């Protein structure tokens, strides 16, 4: 099942079996975004409920793909097994927070409990446009600025990102 590149799609009542070959997974994100030239920036929210995964034949529930930005809201706990209103998102070290658990084997990313919200952050038609062709970095508000600037490259992104809504963030800009 590959989710669409649209906001607020809802998936209910699916059973998954026989996804135990190579690196397959039951769920992927962003249909027709399989390459870097795709026109969607990602981080779309998809809602899930009443899912069943056969434990014997579905070792991986999610496999994220280009653009490696997505927000899966689990309405009843059947996706994350963390209860209702929980989240799954691709791994980004900035989203590694106490309310979240990294699980690369099953979820290919991070799952978060119901005390947080994950939201899409995107900039459209920004002015002045001198930030064009620059990468934006988000850092937690209380992070050391110098340390944040030296952080891993995977915290840099181009104008769209999924972020943990429970924290204050500040952005930095950097020429590529």
N, C-alpha and C. Protein backbone atom coordinates (compact mmCIF):
# COMPACT_ATOMS: atom_id res chain seq x y z
N UNK A 1 0.85 -1.17 0.00
CA UNK A 1 0.00 0.00 0.00
C UNK A 1 0.89 1.23 0.00
N UNK A 2 0.82 2.02 -1.04
CA UNK A 2 1.59 3.26 -1.10
C UNK A 2 0.60 4.42 -1.00
N UNK A 3 0.82 5.27 -0.03
CA UNK A 3 -0.11 6.36 0.22
C UNK A 3 0.03 7.45 -0.84
N UNK A 4 -1.03 8.23 -1.04
CA UNK A 4 -0.98 9.28 -2.07
C UNK A 4 -0.19 10.50 -1.59
N UNK A 5 0.11 11.37 -2.50
CA UNK A 5 0.79 12.61 -2.15
C UNK A 5 -0.23 13.72 -1.99
N UNK A 6 -1.17 13.47 -1.11
CA UNK A 6 -2.19 14.46 -0.79
C UNK A 6 -2.42 14.44 0.71
N UNK A 7 -2.99 15.48 1.21
CA UNK A 7 -3.19 15.66 2.65
C UNK A 7 -4.47 14.97 3.12
N UNK A 8 -4.40 14.41 4.33
CA UNK A 8 -5.56 13.88 5.06
C UNK A 8 -6.23 12.67 4.42
N UNK A 9 -5.48 11.88 3.67
CA UNK A 9 -6.01 10.62 3.15
C UNK A 9 -6.24 9.68 4.33
N UNK A 10 -7.24 8.85 4.26
CA UNK A 10 -7.58 7.96 5.37
C UNK A 10 -7.60 6.51 4.88
N UNK A 11 -6.95 5.63 5.64
CA UNK A 11 -6.89 4.21 5.32
C UNK A 11 -7.48 3.44 6.50
N UNK A 12 -8.52 2.64 6.23
CA UNK A 12 -9.23 1.91 7.28
C UNK A 12 -9.42 0.45 6.90
N UNK A 13 -9.26 -0.42 7.88
CA UNK A 13 -9.67 -1.81 7.73
C UNK A 13 -8.88 -2.64 6.75
N UNK A 14 -7.57 -2.50 6.72
CA UNK A 14 -6.74 -3.32 5.82
C UNK A 14 -6.03 -4.42 6.59
N UNK A 15 -5.90 -5.59 5.96
CA UNK A 15 -5.13 -6.70 6.50
C UNK A 15 -3.90 -6.89 5.62
N UNK A 16 -2.74 -7.08 6.25
CA UNK A 16 -1.49 -7.24 5.51
C UNK A 16 -0.90 -8.63 5.78
N UNK A 17 -0.56 -9.33 4.69
CA UNK A 17 0.05 -10.65 4.75
C UNK A 17 1.14 -10.74 3.69
N UNK A 18 2.13 -11.58 3.93
CA UNK A 18 3.15 -11.96 2.94
C UNK A 18 4.00 -10.79 2.44
N UNK A 19 4.46 -9.97 3.35
CA UNK A 19 5.42 -8.91 3.02
C UNK A 19 6.79 -9.25 3.61
N UNK A 20 7.16 -10.51 3.53
CA UNK A 20 8.41 -10.95 4.14
C UNK A 20 9.48 -11.28 3.09
N UNK A 21 9.45 -10.62 1.95
CA UNK A 21 10.46 -10.84 0.93
C UNK A 21 11.36 -9.61 0.81
N UNK A 22 12.62 -9.83 0.56
CA UNK A 22 13.68 -8.80 0.47
C UNK A 22 13.45 -7.71 1.51
N UNK A 23 13.39 -6.45 1.10
CA UNK A 23 13.20 -5.35 2.06
C UNK A 23 11.81 -4.73 1.93
N UNK A 24 10.83 -5.52 1.55
CA UNK A 24 9.47 -5.03 1.36
C UNK A 24 8.86 -4.59 2.69
N UNK A 25 7.81 -3.79 2.60
CA UNK A 25 7.06 -3.36 3.78
C UNK A 25 5.60 -3.26 3.38
N UNK A 26 4.72 -3.30 4.36
CA UNK A 26 3.29 -3.23 4.09
C UNK A 26 2.88 -1.86 3.57
N UNK A 27 3.50 -0.80 4.09
CA UNK A 27 3.07 0.56 3.76
C UNK A 27 4.27 1.39 3.30
N UNK A 28 4.07 2.16 2.23
CA UNK A 28 5.04 3.14 1.76
C UNK A 28 4.35 4.48 1.66
N UNK A 29 5.10 5.53 1.37
CA UNK A 29 4.47 6.84 1.28
C UNK A 29 4.82 7.55 -0.01
N UNK A 30 3.92 8.43 -0.39
CA UNK A 30 4.09 9.37 -1.50
C UNK A 30 4.15 8.67 -2.86
N UNK A 31 3.00 8.25 -3.34
CA UNK A 31 2.90 7.63 -4.64
C UNK A 31 3.46 8.54 -5.73
N UNK A 32 4.20 7.96 -6.64
CA UNK A 32 4.83 8.67 -7.77
C UNK A 32 5.88 9.69 -7.32
N UNK A 33 6.47 9.46 -6.16
CA UNK A 33 7.56 10.31 -5.67
C UNK A 33 8.86 9.52 -5.60
N UNK A 34 9.00 8.49 -6.41
CA UNK A 34 10.10 7.54 -6.27
C UNK A 34 11.46 8.09 -6.69
N UNK A 35 11.52 9.30 -7.13
CA UNK A 35 12.79 9.86 -7.58
C UNK A 35 12.91 11.30 -7.11
N UNK A 36 14.12 11.81 -7.10
CA UNK A 36 14.38 13.16 -6.58
C UNK A 36 13.75 14.26 -7.42
N UNK A 37 13.38 13.97 -8.67
CA UNK A 37 12.77 15.00 -9.51
C UNK A 37 11.25 15.09 -9.33
N UNK A 38 10.68 14.29 -8.43
CA UNK A 38 9.24 14.35 -8.18
C UNK A 38 8.85 15.74 -7.70
N UNK A 39 7.65 16.15 -8.00
CA UNK A 39 7.24 17.53 -7.72
C UNK A 39 6.64 17.73 -6.34
N UNK A 40 6.46 16.68 -5.54
CA UNK A 40 5.85 16.86 -4.23
C UNK A 40 6.93 16.97 -3.16
N UNK A 41 6.72 17.87 -2.21
CA UNK A 41 7.70 18.10 -1.16
C UNK A 41 7.49 17.19 0.05
N UNK A 42 6.40 16.44 0.08
CA UNK A 42 6.19 15.45 1.12
C UNK A 42 5.64 16.01 2.42
N UNK A 43 5.82 15.21 3.49
CA UNK A 43 5.32 15.52 4.84
C UNK A 43 3.81 15.64 4.87
N UNK A 44 3.14 14.81 4.09
CA UNK A 44 1.67 14.79 4.08
C UNK A 44 1.16 13.89 5.21
N UNK A 45 0.06 14.27 5.82
CA UNK A 45 -0.53 13.47 6.90
C UNK A 45 -1.52 12.46 6.33
N UNK A 46 -1.32 11.20 6.68
CA UNK A 46 -2.23 10.12 6.31
C UNK A 46 -2.72 9.49 7.62
N UNK A 47 -4.03 9.26 7.71
CA UNK A 47 -4.64 8.71 8.92
C UNK A 47 -4.95 7.22 8.72
N UNK A 48 -4.64 6.41 9.75
CA UNK A 48 -4.83 4.97 9.69
C UNK A 48 -5.69 4.49 10.85
N UNK A 49 -6.50 3.45 10.58
CA UNK A 49 -7.24 2.79 11.65
C UNK A 49 -7.62 1.38 11.20
N UNK A 50 -7.86 0.52 12.18
CA UNK A 50 -8.30 -0.86 11.96
C UNK A 50 -7.39 -1.63 11.00
N UNK A 51 -6.09 -1.56 11.27
CA UNK A 51 -5.12 -2.31 10.46
C UNK A 51 -4.79 -3.62 11.16
N UNK A 52 -4.47 -4.64 10.37
CA UNK A 52 -4.00 -5.91 10.92
C UNK A 52 -2.75 -6.32 10.14
N UNK A 53 -1.69 -6.64 10.89
CA UNK A 53 -0.44 -7.10 10.30
C UNK A 53 -0.18 -8.51 10.78
N UNK A 54 -0.04 -9.45 9.87
CA UNK A 54 0.29 -10.82 10.23
C UNK A 54 1.72 -10.85 10.75
N UNK A 55 1.89 -11.15 12.02
CA UNK A 55 3.21 -11.11 12.65
C UNK A 55 4.21 -12.07 12.00
N UNK A 56 3.72 -13.17 11.48
CA UNK A 56 4.61 -14.18 10.88
C UNK A 56 5.13 -13.77 9.50
N UNK A 57 4.38 -12.92 8.77
CA UNK A 57 4.77 -12.62 7.39
C UNK A 57 4.92 -11.13 7.08
N UNK A 58 4.83 -10.28 8.10
CA UNK A 58 5.00 -8.83 7.89
C UNK A 58 6.00 -8.30 8.93
N UNK A 59 7.30 -8.47 8.68
CA UNK A 59 8.29 -7.99 9.64
C UNK A 59 8.49 -6.47 9.61
N UNK A 60 8.18 -5.84 8.49
CA UNK A 60 8.35 -4.39 8.34
C UNK A 60 7.01 -3.76 7.98
N UNK A 61 6.55 -2.87 8.81
CA UNK A 61 5.27 -2.23 8.55
C UNK A 61 5.39 -1.06 7.59
N UNK A 62 6.46 -0.27 7.71
CA UNK A 62 6.62 0.94 6.89
C UNK A 62 8.00 0.94 6.25
N UNK A 63 8.07 1.40 5.01
CA UNK A 63 9.34 1.68 4.32
C UNK A 63 9.18 3.05 3.68
N UNK A 64 9.88 4.04 4.23
CA UNK A 64 9.80 5.40 3.69
C UNK A 64 10.63 5.49 2.42
N UNK A 65 10.27 6.38 1.54
CA UNK A 65 10.98 6.57 0.27
C UNK A 65 11.00 8.06 -0.06
N UNK A 66 11.63 8.40 -1.17
CA UNK A 66 11.72 9.79 -1.61
C UNK A 66 10.33 10.41 -1.55
N UNK A 67 10.19 11.56 -0.89
CA UNK A 67 11.20 12.47 -0.37
C UNK A 67 11.58 12.25 1.09
N UNK A 68 11.29 11.09 1.67
CA UNK A 68 11.62 10.75 3.05
C UNK A 68 11.05 11.76 4.04
N UNK A 69 9.84 12.16 3.77
CA UNK A 69 9.09 13.04 4.67
C UNK A 69 7.65 12.56 4.64
N UNK A 70 7.13 12.22 5.76
CA UNK A 70 5.75 11.76 5.83
C UNK A 70 5.26 11.77 7.26
N UNK A 71 3.96 11.84 7.42
CA UNK A 71 3.34 11.86 8.75
C UNK A 71 2.20 10.86 8.73
N UNK A 72 2.32 9.80 9.50
CA UNK A 72 1.27 8.81 9.62
C UNK A 72 0.65 8.93 11.00
N UNK A 73 -0.63 9.28 11.05
CA UNK A 73 -1.37 9.38 12.31
C UNK A 73 -2.15 8.09 12.51
N UNK A 74 -1.86 7.41 13.59
CA UNK A 74 -2.52 6.15 13.94
C UNK A 74 -3.70 6.47 14.85
N UNK A 75 -4.89 6.37 14.33
CA UNK A 75 -6.09 6.78 15.07
C UNK A 75 -6.48 5.81 16.19
N UNK A 76 -6.10 4.54 16.06
CA UNK A 76 -6.53 3.56 17.06
C UNK A 76 -5.41 2.68 17.63
N UNK A 77 -4.18 2.90 17.23
CA UNK A 77 -3.06 2.11 17.73
C UNK A 77 -2.75 0.87 16.93
N UNK A 78 -3.48 0.62 15.86
CA UNK A 78 -3.25 -0.60 15.09
C UNK A 78 -1.99 -0.53 14.21
N UNK A 79 -1.47 0.64 13.95
CA UNK A 79 -0.23 0.79 13.18
C UNK A 79 1.00 0.77 14.10
N UNK A 80 1.01 1.63 15.12
CA UNK A 80 2.19 1.80 15.97
C UNK A 80 2.20 0.91 17.20
N UNK A 81 1.03 0.38 17.57
CA UNK A 81 0.86 -0.39 18.80
C UNK A 81 1.15 0.46 20.04
N UNK A 82 1.01 1.79 19.92
CA UNK A 82 1.21 2.70 21.05
C UNK A 82 -0.10 3.30 21.54
N UNK A 83 -1.22 2.85 20.98
CA UNK A 83 -2.51 3.40 21.37
C UNK A 83 -3.00 4.42 20.37
N UNK A 84 -4.19 4.99 20.64
CA UNK A 84 -4.77 5.94 19.69
C UNK A 84 -4.02 7.26 19.62
N UNK A 85 -4.14 7.91 18.48
CA UNK A 85 -3.55 9.23 18.22
C UNK A 85 -2.04 9.25 18.42
N UNK A 86 -1.39 8.24 17.86
CA UNK A 86 0.07 8.15 17.89
C UNK A 86 0.61 8.33 16.48
N UNK A 87 1.91 8.41 16.34
CA UNK A 87 2.50 8.89 15.10
C UNK A 87 3.65 8.00 14.62
N UNK A 88 3.83 7.95 13.31
CA UNK A 88 5.01 7.34 12.69
C UNK A 88 5.54 8.34 11.66
N UNK A 89 6.85 8.50 11.61
CA UNK A 89 7.46 9.45 10.69
C UNK A 89 8.87 8.96 10.35
N UNK A 90 9.42 9.34 9.21
CA UNK A 90 10.79 8.92 8.89
C UNK A 90 11.78 9.44 9.94
N UNK A 91 12.91 8.76 10.03
CA UNK A 91 13.92 9.16 11.01
C UNK A 91 14.59 10.47 10.60
N UNK A 92 14.58 11.41 11.51
CA UNK A 92 15.38 12.64 11.44
C UNK A 92 15.86 12.85 12.87
N UNK A 93 17.15 13.09 13.06
CA UNK A 93 17.65 13.18 14.43
C UNK A 93 16.99 14.30 15.22
N UNK A 94 16.51 15.34 14.56
CA UNK A 94 15.85 16.43 15.29
C UNK A 94 14.52 15.98 15.90
N UNK A 95 13.91 14.92 15.37
CA UNK A 95 12.66 14.41 15.92
C UNK A 95 12.87 13.31 16.95
N UNK A 96 14.10 13.03 17.27
CA UNK A 96 14.39 12.02 18.29
C UNK A 96 14.22 12.69 19.66
N UNK A 97 13.03 12.53 20.22
CA UNK A 97 12.64 13.20 21.46
C UNK A 97 12.21 12.15 22.48
N UNK A 98 12.11 12.53 23.77
CA UNK A 98 11.74 11.55 24.81
C UNK A 98 10.40 10.85 24.58
N UNK A 99 9.46 11.49 23.89
CA UNK A 99 8.16 10.91 23.65
C UNK A 99 8.16 9.95 22.46
N UNK A 100 9.28 9.83 21.81
CA UNK A 100 9.38 9.05 20.57
C UNK A 100 10.42 7.95 20.70
N UNK A 101 10.24 6.90 19.91
CA UNK A 101 11.14 5.76 19.90
C UNK A 101 11.62 5.51 18.48
N UNK A 102 12.92 5.34 18.32
CA UNK A 102 13.47 5.00 17.01
C UNK A 102 13.30 3.49 16.81
N UNK A 103 12.67 3.11 15.71
CA UNK A 103 12.50 1.70 15.36
C UNK A 103 12.69 1.57 13.85
N UNK A 104 13.94 1.41 13.45
CA UNK A 104 14.26 1.34 12.03
C UNK A 104 13.88 -0.01 11.42
N UNK A 105 13.85 -1.06 12.21
CA UNK A 105 13.55 -2.39 11.69
C UNK A 105 12.09 -2.54 11.27
N UNK A 106 11.17 -2.07 12.08
CA UNK A 106 9.74 -2.26 11.81
C UNK A 106 9.12 -1.05 11.13
N UNK A 107 9.48 0.15 11.60
CA UNK A 107 8.84 1.38 11.11
C UNK A 107 9.74 2.24 10.23
N UNK A 108 10.98 1.81 10.05
CA UNK A 108 11.92 2.55 9.19
C UNK A 108 12.01 4.01 9.63
N UNK A 109 11.80 4.27 10.92
CA UNK A 109 11.81 5.65 11.40
C UNK A 109 11.51 5.75 12.87
N UNK A 110 10.70 6.73 13.20
CA UNK A 110 10.38 7.07 14.59
C UNK A 110 8.88 6.91 14.80
N UNK A 111 8.51 6.34 15.95
CA UNK A 111 7.11 6.32 16.36
C UNK A 111 6.99 7.13 17.66
N UNK A 112 5.90 7.89 17.77
CA UNK A 112 5.73 8.79 18.91
C UNK A 112 4.39 8.54 19.59
N UNK A 113 4.36 8.76 20.91
CA UNK A 113 3.13 8.54 21.66
C UNK A 113 2.14 9.68 21.46
N UNK A 114 1.03 9.61 22.16
CA UNK A 114 -0.06 10.57 21.97
C UNK A 114 0.13 11.90 22.70
N UNK A 115 1.27 12.09 23.35
CA UNK A 115 1.50 13.38 24.03
C UNK A 115 2.08 14.42 23.09
N UNK A 116 2.40 14.02 21.86
CA UNK A 116 2.96 14.96 20.88
C UNK A 116 2.06 15.02 19.65
N UNK A 117 2.32 16.00 18.83
CA UNK A 117 1.70 16.10 17.51
C UNK A 117 2.81 16.33 16.50
N UNK A 118 2.69 15.70 15.36
CA UNK A 118 3.66 15.91 14.29
C UNK A 118 2.96 16.71 13.21
N UNK A 119 3.59 17.77 12.75
CA UNK A 119 2.97 18.65 11.77
C UNK A 119 3.91 18.92 10.61
N UNK A 120 3.31 19.26 9.50
CA UNK A 120 4.04 19.64 8.29
C UNK A 120 4.41 21.12 8.39
N UNK A 121 5.66 21.43 8.16
CA UNK A 121 6.12 22.81 8.07
C UNK A 121 6.57 23.03 6.64
N UNK A 122 5.99 24.02 5.98
CA UNK A 122 6.33 24.29 4.59
C UNK A 122 6.29 25.80 4.36
N UNK A 123 7.14 26.29 3.51
CA UNK A 123 7.19 27.70 3.14
C UNK A 123 6.84 27.84 1.66
N UNK A 124 5.84 28.67 1.37
CA UNK A 124 5.44 28.94 0.00
C UNK A 124 5.67 30.42 -0.30
N UNK A 125 6.07 30.71 -1.52
CA UNK A 125 6.16 32.10 -2.00
C UNK A 125 6.87 33.03 -1.02
N UNK A 126 7.98 32.58 -0.48
CA UNK A 126 8.69 33.36 0.52
C UNK A 126 9.34 34.59 -0.12
N UNK A 127 9.32 35.67 0.60
CA UNK A 127 9.94 36.93 0.17
C UNK A 127 10.68 37.52 1.36
N UNK A 128 11.81 38.09 1.24
CA UNK A 128 12.56 38.20 0.00
C UNK A 128 13.05 36.82 -0.42
N UNK A 129 13.37 36.69 -1.69
CA UNK A 129 13.73 35.37 -2.20
C UNK A 129 15.24 35.10 -2.16
N UNK A 130 15.97 35.84 -1.31
CA UNK A 130 17.41 35.58 -1.24
C UNK A 130 17.72 34.26 -0.53
N UNK A 131 16.69 33.56 0.02
CA UNK A 131 16.90 32.24 0.58
C UNK A 131 16.82 31.14 -0.48
N UNK A 132 16.52 31.53 -1.71
CA UNK A 132 16.41 30.56 -2.79
C UNK A 132 17.73 29.80 -2.94
N UNK A 133 17.63 28.50 -3.16
CA UNK A 133 18.78 27.59 -3.31
C UNK A 133 19.60 27.46 -2.03
N UNK A 134 18.99 27.81 -0.90
CA UNK A 134 19.63 27.61 0.39
C UNK A 134 18.86 26.53 1.14
N UNK A 135 19.53 25.82 2.01
CA UNK A 135 18.88 24.80 2.83
C UNK A 135 18.51 25.41 4.17
N UNK A 136 17.39 24.95 4.72
CA UNK A 136 16.95 25.44 6.01
C UNK A 136 17.19 24.36 7.05
N UNK A 137 17.59 24.79 8.22
CA UNK A 137 17.83 23.88 9.32
C UNK A 137 16.92 24.28 10.49
N UNK A 138 16.30 23.28 11.10
CA UNK A 138 15.53 23.51 12.32
C UNK A 138 16.32 22.98 13.50
N UNK A 139 16.33 23.73 14.58
CA UNK A 139 16.96 23.28 15.81
C UNK A 139 16.02 23.62 16.95
N UNK A 140 16.04 22.80 17.99
CA UNK A 140 15.21 23.11 19.15
C UNK A 140 15.59 24.48 19.69
N UNK A 141 14.60 25.19 20.19
CA UNK A 141 14.78 26.58 20.62
C UNK A 141 15.92 26.72 21.63
N UNK A 142 16.04 25.79 22.55
CA UNK A 142 17.05 25.91 23.60
C UNK A 142 18.39 25.27 23.23
N UNK A 143 18.55 24.85 21.99
CA UNK A 143 19.81 24.23 21.55
C UNK A 143 20.90 25.28 21.42
N UNK A 144 22.13 24.86 21.67
CA UNK A 144 23.28 25.71 21.47
C UNK A 144 23.42 26.02 19.98
N UNK A 145 23.49 27.29 19.62
CA UNK A 145 23.50 27.69 18.21
C UNK A 145 24.69 27.08 17.47
N UNK A 146 25.87 27.19 18.05
CA UNK A 146 27.06 26.65 17.37
C UNK A 146 26.96 25.14 17.21
N UNK A 147 26.48 24.46 18.24
CA UNK A 147 26.33 23.01 18.15
C UNK A 147 25.27 22.64 17.10
N UNK A 148 24.19 23.40 17.06
CA UNK A 148 23.13 23.13 16.08
C UNK A 148 23.65 23.29 14.66
N UNK A 149 24.49 24.26 14.43
CA UNK A 149 25.03 24.50 13.09
C UNK A 149 25.97 23.38 12.65
N UNK A 150 26.56 22.67 13.60
CA UNK A 150 27.46 21.57 13.28
C UNK A 150 26.75 20.21 13.26
N UNK A 151 25.44 20.21 13.43
CA UNK A 151 24.67 18.96 13.54
C UNK A 151 24.75 18.15 12.26
N UNK A 152 24.29 16.93 12.33
CA UNK A 152 24.30 16.03 11.18
C UNK A 152 23.59 16.65 9.99
N UNK A 153 24.03 16.29 8.80
CA UNK A 153 23.45 16.83 7.57
C UNK A 153 21.98 16.46 7.38
N UNK A 154 21.52 15.37 8.00
CA UNK A 154 20.12 14.98 7.75
C UNK A 154 19.11 15.90 8.42
N UNK A 155 19.58 16.91 9.14
CA UNK A 155 18.64 17.87 9.71
C UNK A 155 18.41 19.04 8.76
N UNK A 156 19.10 19.06 7.63
CA UNK A 156 18.90 20.10 6.62
C UNK A 156 17.82 19.66 5.66
N UNK A 157 16.99 20.58 5.23
CA UNK A 157 15.95 20.22 4.28
C UNK A 157 15.57 21.44 3.46
N UNK A 158 14.83 21.19 2.43
CA UNK A 158 14.43 22.25 1.51
C UNK A 158 12.97 22.63 1.68
N UNK A 159 12.68 23.47 2.62
CA UNK A 159 11.40 24.15 2.78
C UNK A 159 10.21 23.31 3.20
N UNK A 160 10.34 22.01 3.36
CA UNK A 160 9.25 21.19 3.89
C UNK A 160 9.84 20.15 4.83
N UNK A 161 9.18 19.96 5.97
CA UNK A 161 9.67 18.96 6.91
C UNK A 161 8.55 18.57 7.86
N UNK A 162 8.61 17.33 8.37
CA UNK A 162 7.72 16.89 9.43
C UNK A 162 8.43 17.12 10.76
N UNK A 163 7.76 17.79 11.69
CA UNK A 163 8.40 18.13 12.97
C UNK A 163 7.48 17.81 14.13
N UNK A 164 8.10 17.53 15.28
CA UNK A 164 7.38 17.32 16.53
C UNK A 164 6.85 18.67 16.99
N UNK A 165 5.56 18.80 17.05
CA UNK A 165 4.87 20.07 17.31
C UNK A 165 5.00 20.53 18.76
N UNK A 166 5.44 19.68 19.67
CA UNK A 166 5.46 20.00 21.09
C UNK A 166 6.66 20.85 21.52
N UNK A 167 7.53 21.19 20.61
CA UNK A 167 8.71 21.96 20.95
C UNK A 167 8.75 23.26 20.17
N UNK A 168 9.49 24.23 20.70
CA UNK A 168 9.74 25.46 19.95
C UNK A 168 10.98 25.23 19.09
N UNK A 169 10.92 25.72 17.85
CA UNK A 169 12.00 25.52 16.89
C UNK A 169 12.46 26.86 16.35
N UNK A 170 13.70 26.93 15.94
CA UNK A 170 14.19 28.11 15.22
C UNK A 170 14.91 27.62 13.98
N UNK A 171 14.91 28.44 12.96
CA UNK A 171 15.51 28.01 11.70
C UNK A 171 16.77 28.79 11.39
N UNK A 172 17.63 28.15 10.64
CA UNK A 172 18.88 28.73 10.15
C UNK A 172 18.91 28.49 8.66
N UNK A 173 19.62 29.29 7.93
CA UNK A 173 19.73 29.13 6.49
C UNK A 173 21.19 28.94 6.14
N UNK A 174 21.43 28.10 5.14
CA UNK A 174 22.81 27.80 4.76
C UNK A 174 22.87 27.59 3.25
N UNK A 175 23.86 28.21 2.62
CA UNK A 175 24.06 27.97 1.18
C UNK A 175 24.51 26.54 1.00
N UNK A 176 24.00 25.89 -0.05
CA UNK A 176 24.37 24.49 -0.31
C UNK A 176 25.75 24.40 -0.90
